[in-house]
Amino acid sequence: MGLIITVIIGLIAGAVAHRVLNSRGGFLGSLVVGLIGALVGGELARLFNLHVTGGILDRLIIAVIGAILFLYVWKKLFK
């Protein structure tokens, strides 16, 4: 069940990041961006010592922020 929730959160985070940065990304692109964003956001939360409860909303917010940061850097590097 945890893997399914992670994939769903990754899809949502990737779709939001694509929408915010006005970029294109299909199903697989959104999934990859969202999952990498979740990793980036989780590491940033750990570095800044944020106390995250681990709920779905917390995970979604961190994944969205991480996905936006990841996609922004990716677009700047490969543009």
N, C-alpha and C. Protein backbone atom coordinates (compact mmCIF):
# COMPACT_ATOMS: atom_id res chain seq x y z
N MET A 1 0.82 -1.19 0.00
CA MET A 1 0.00 0.00 0.00
C MET A 1 0.86 1.25 0.00
N GLY A 2 2.01 1.21 0.67
CA GLY A 2 2.88 2.37 0.73
C GLY A 2 3.45 2.73 -0.63
N LEU A 3 3.75 1.72 -1.45
CA LEU A 3 4.29 1.98 -2.79
C LEU A 3 3.23 2.65 -3.66
N ILE A 4 2.00 2.22 -3.55
CA ILE A 4 0.92 2.81 -4.34
C ILE A 4 0.73 4.27 -3.96
N ILE A 5 0.73 4.58 -2.68
CA ILE A 5 0.59 5.96 -2.21
C ILE A 5 1.76 6.80 -2.70
N THR A 6 2.97 6.25 -2.66
CA THR A 6 4.15 6.97 -3.12
C THR A 6 4.05 7.29 -4.60
N VAL A 7 3.59 6.34 -5.40
CA VAL A 7 3.44 6.57 -6.84
C VAL A 7 2.37 7.63 -7.09
N ILE A 8 1.27 7.58 -6.38
CA ILE A 8 0.22 8.57 -6.55
C ILE A 8 0.71 9.96 -6.16
N ILE A 9 1.42 10.06 -5.05
CA ILE A 9 1.98 11.34 -4.63
C ILE A 9 2.99 11.84 -5.66
N GLY A 10 3.81 10.95 -6.19
CA GLY A 10 4.77 11.32 -7.23
C GLY A 10 4.09 11.85 -8.48
N LEU A 11 3.02 11.21 -8.90
CA LEU A 11 2.28 11.67 -10.08
C LEU A 11 1.69 13.05 -9.85
N ILE A 12 1.09 13.25 -8.69
CA ILE A 12 0.48 14.54 -8.39
C ILE A 12 1.56 15.62 -8.31
N ALA A 13 2.64 15.34 -7.62
CA ALA A 13 3.73 16.32 -7.47
C ALA A 13 4.33 16.66 -8.82
N GLY A 14 4.56 15.67 -9.66
CA GLY A 14 5.11 15.92 -10.99
C GLY A 14 4.18 16.73 -11.86
N ALA A 15 2.88 16.41 -11.80
CA ALA A 15 1.90 17.17 -12.58
C ALA A 15 1.82 18.62 -12.13
N VAL A 16 1.86 18.84 -10.82
CA VAL A 16 1.83 20.21 -10.29
C VAL A 16 3.09 20.96 -10.71
N ALA A 17 4.24 20.31 -10.62
CA ALA A 17 5.50 20.97 -11.01
C ALA A 17 5.48 21.33 -12.50
N HIS A 18 5.00 20.43 -13.34
CA HIS A 18 4.90 20.73 -14.77
C HIS A 18 3.96 21.90 -15.01
N ARG A 19 2.88 21.95 -14.27
CA ARG A 19 1.90 23.03 -14.44
C ARG A 19 2.47 24.36 -13.96
N VAL A 20 3.15 24.36 -12.82
CA VAL A 20 3.69 25.60 -12.25
C VAL A 20 4.77 26.18 -13.17
N LEU A 21 5.63 25.32 -13.71
CA LEU A 21 6.73 25.80 -14.54
C LEU A 21 6.39 25.80 -16.02
N ASN A 22 5.14 25.54 -16.35
CA ASN A 22 4.65 25.58 -17.72
C ASN A 22 5.52 24.74 -18.66
N SER A 23 5.72 23.49 -18.28
CA SER A 23 6.51 22.59 -19.11
C SER A 23 5.65 21.39 -19.49
N ARG A 24 6.15 20.65 -20.43
CA ARG A 24 5.42 19.47 -20.89
C ARG A 24 5.92 18.23 -20.17
N GLY A 25 5.02 17.36 -19.93
CA GLY A 25 5.38 16.09 -19.32
C GLY A 25 4.18 15.16 -19.32
N GLY A 26 4.36 14.00 -19.82
CA GLY A 26 3.29 13.03 -19.85
C GLY A 26 3.22 12.27 -18.54
N PHE A 27 2.57 11.13 -18.59
CA PHE A 27 2.38 10.30 -17.41
C PHE A 27 3.72 9.88 -16.81
N LEU A 28 4.59 9.34 -17.63
CA LEU A 28 5.88 8.86 -17.14
C LEU A 28 6.78 10.02 -16.70
N GLY A 29 6.76 11.11 -17.45
CA GLY A 29 7.56 12.28 -17.09
C GLY A 29 7.13 12.86 -15.76
N SER A 30 5.83 12.96 -15.54
CA SER A 30 5.32 13.47 -14.27
C SER A 30 5.69 12.54 -13.11
N LEU A 31 5.62 11.25 -13.37
CA LEU A 31 5.97 10.28 -12.33
C LEU A 31 7.45 10.40 -11.95
N VAL A 32 8.31 10.48 -12.93
CA VAL A 32 9.75 10.57 -12.66
C VAL A 32 10.08 11.87 -11.93
N VAL A 33 9.55 12.99 -12.44
CA VAL A 33 9.79 14.29 -11.80
C VAL A 33 9.26 14.29 -10.37
N GLY A 34 8.09 13.73 -10.17
CA GLY A 34 7.50 13.69 -8.83
C GLY A 34 8.29 12.82 -7.86
N LEU A 35 8.74 11.66 -8.32
CA LEU A 35 9.49 10.78 -7.43
C LEU A 35 10.87 11.36 -7.10
N ILE A 36 11.53 11.94 -8.09
CA ILE A 36 12.80 12.60 -7.81
C ILE A 36 12.57 13.81 -6.92
N GLY A 37 11.49 14.52 -7.17
CA GLY A 37 11.14 15.67 -6.33
C GLY A 37 10.88 15.27 -4.89
N ALA A 38 10.27 14.11 -4.69
CA ALA A 38 10.04 13.63 -3.33
C ALA A 38 11.36 13.35 -2.63
N LEU A 39 12.30 12.79 -3.36
CA LEU A 39 13.63 12.55 -2.77
C LEU A 39 14.33 13.86 -2.45
N VAL A 40 14.29 14.80 -3.39
CA VAL A 40 14.92 16.11 -3.18
C VAL A 40 14.26 16.83 -2.01
N GLY A 41 12.94 16.85 -2.00
CA GLY A 41 12.21 17.52 -0.92
C GLY A 41 12.46 16.87 0.42
N GLY A 42 12.54 15.56 0.45
CA GLY A 42 12.83 14.86 1.71
C GLY A 42 14.20 15.18 2.25
N GLU A 43 15.18 15.26 1.35
CA GLU A 43 16.53 15.61 1.79
C GLU A 43 16.59 17.06 2.27
N LEU A 44 15.89 17.96 1.58
CA LEU A 44 15.85 19.35 2.03
C LEU A 44 15.18 19.48 3.39
N ALA A 45 14.11 18.74 3.60
CA ALA A 45 13.43 18.76 4.90
C ALA A 45 14.34 18.24 6.00
N ARG A 46 15.11 17.21 5.68
CA ARG A 46 16.05 16.67 6.66
C ARG A 46 17.17 17.67 6.94
N LEU A 47 17.69 18.31 5.89
CA LEU A 47 18.77 19.28 6.08
C LEU A 47 18.33 20.50 6.90
N PHE A 48 17.09 20.95 6.66
CA PHE A 48 16.58 22.10 7.40
C PHE A 48 15.92 21.71 8.71
N ASN A 49 16.01 20.43 9.05
CA ASN A 49 15.48 19.90 10.31
C ASN A 49 14.00 20.21 10.49
N LEU A 50 13.23 20.04 9.42
CA LEU A 50 11.79 20.24 9.50
C LEU A 50 11.15 19.01 10.13
N HIS A 51 10.25 19.23 11.01
CA HIS A 51 9.57 18.12 11.68
C HIS A 51 8.33 17.76 10.89
N VAL A 52 8.45 16.71 10.10
CA VAL A 52 7.37 16.25 9.25
C VAL A 52 6.76 15.01 9.89
N THR A 53 5.43 15.00 9.98
CA THR A 53 4.76 13.90 10.65
C THR A 53 4.70 12.64 9.81
N GLY A 54 4.85 12.78 8.49
CA GLY A 54 4.81 11.60 7.63
C GLY A 54 3.43 11.33 7.08
N GLY A 55 2.50 12.26 7.29
CA GLY A 55 1.17 12.11 6.73
C GLY A 55 1.18 12.34 5.23
N ILE A 56 0.08 12.00 4.60
CA ILE A 56 -0.01 12.12 3.15
C ILE A 56 0.12 13.57 2.71
N LEU A 57 -0.52 14.49 3.41
CA LEU A 57 -0.44 15.90 3.03
C LEU A 57 0.98 16.44 3.18
N ASP A 58 1.66 16.07 4.25
CA ASP A 58 3.05 16.49 4.44
C ASP A 58 3.93 15.96 3.32
N ARG A 59 3.77 14.69 3.00
CA ARG A 59 4.57 14.09 1.94
C ARG A 59 4.29 14.74 0.60
N LEU A 60 3.02 15.08 0.35
CA LEU A 60 2.65 15.71 -0.91
C LEU A 60 3.26 17.11 -1.03
N ILE A 61 3.20 17.89 0.03
CA ILE A 61 3.76 19.24 0.00
C ILE A 61 5.27 19.19 -0.23
N ILE A 62 5.95 18.32 0.48
CA ILE A 62 7.40 18.20 0.33
C ILE A 62 7.75 17.70 -1.08
N ALA A 63 6.98 16.76 -1.60
CA ALA A 63 7.24 16.25 -2.95
C ALA A 63 7.00 17.32 -4.00
N VAL A 64 5.98 18.12 -3.84
CA VAL A 64 5.69 19.19 -4.80
C VAL A 64 6.81 20.23 -4.79
N ILE A 65 7.24 20.64 -3.62
CA ILE A 65 8.33 21.63 -3.52
C ILE A 65 9.61 21.05 -4.13
N GLY A 66 9.93 19.83 -3.81
CA GLY A 66 11.11 19.19 -4.37
C GLY A 66 11.01 19.03 -5.88
N ALA A 67 9.83 18.67 -6.38
CA ALA A 67 9.65 18.49 -7.83
C ALA A 67 9.78 19.81 -8.56
N ILE A 68 9.25 20.88 -7.99
CA ILE A 68 9.39 22.19 -8.62
C ILE A 68 10.85 22.60 -8.66
N LEU A 69 11.56 22.42 -7.57
CA LEU A 69 12.99 22.75 -7.54
C LEU A 69 13.78 21.92 -8.55
N PHE A 70 13.51 20.62 -8.56
CA PHE A 70 14.21 19.73 -9.49
C PHE A 70 13.94 20.12 -10.93
N LEU A 71 12.68 20.35 -11.28
CA LEU A 71 12.34 20.68 -12.66
C LEU A 71 12.90 22.04 -13.06
N TYR A 72 12.92 22.99 -12.14
CA TYR A 72 13.50 24.30 -12.40
C TYR A 72 14.99 24.18 -12.73
N VAL A 73 15.73 23.44 -11.91
CA VAL A 73 17.16 23.25 -12.14
C VAL A 73 17.38 22.49 -13.44
N TRP A 74 16.58 21.47 -13.69
CA TRP A 74 16.71 20.67 -14.91
C TRP A 74 16.52 21.56 -16.15
N LYS A 75 15.50 22.43 -16.11
CA LYS A 75 15.24 23.30 -17.26
C LYS A 75 16.38 24.30 -17.45
N LYS A 76 16.96 24.79 -16.37
CA LYS A 76 18.06 25.75 -16.47
C LYS A 76 19.33 25.07 -17.01
N LEU A 77 19.57 23.86 -16.62
CA LEU A 77 20.78 23.15 -17.06
C LEU A 77 20.70 22.72 -18.52
N PHE A 78 19.55 22.31 -18.98
CA PHE A 78 19.42 21.72 -20.31
C PHE A 78 18.59 22.56 -21.26
N LYS A 79 18.63 23.87 -21.11
CA LYS A 79 17.89 24.75 -22.00
C LYS A 79 18.77 25.38 -23.01
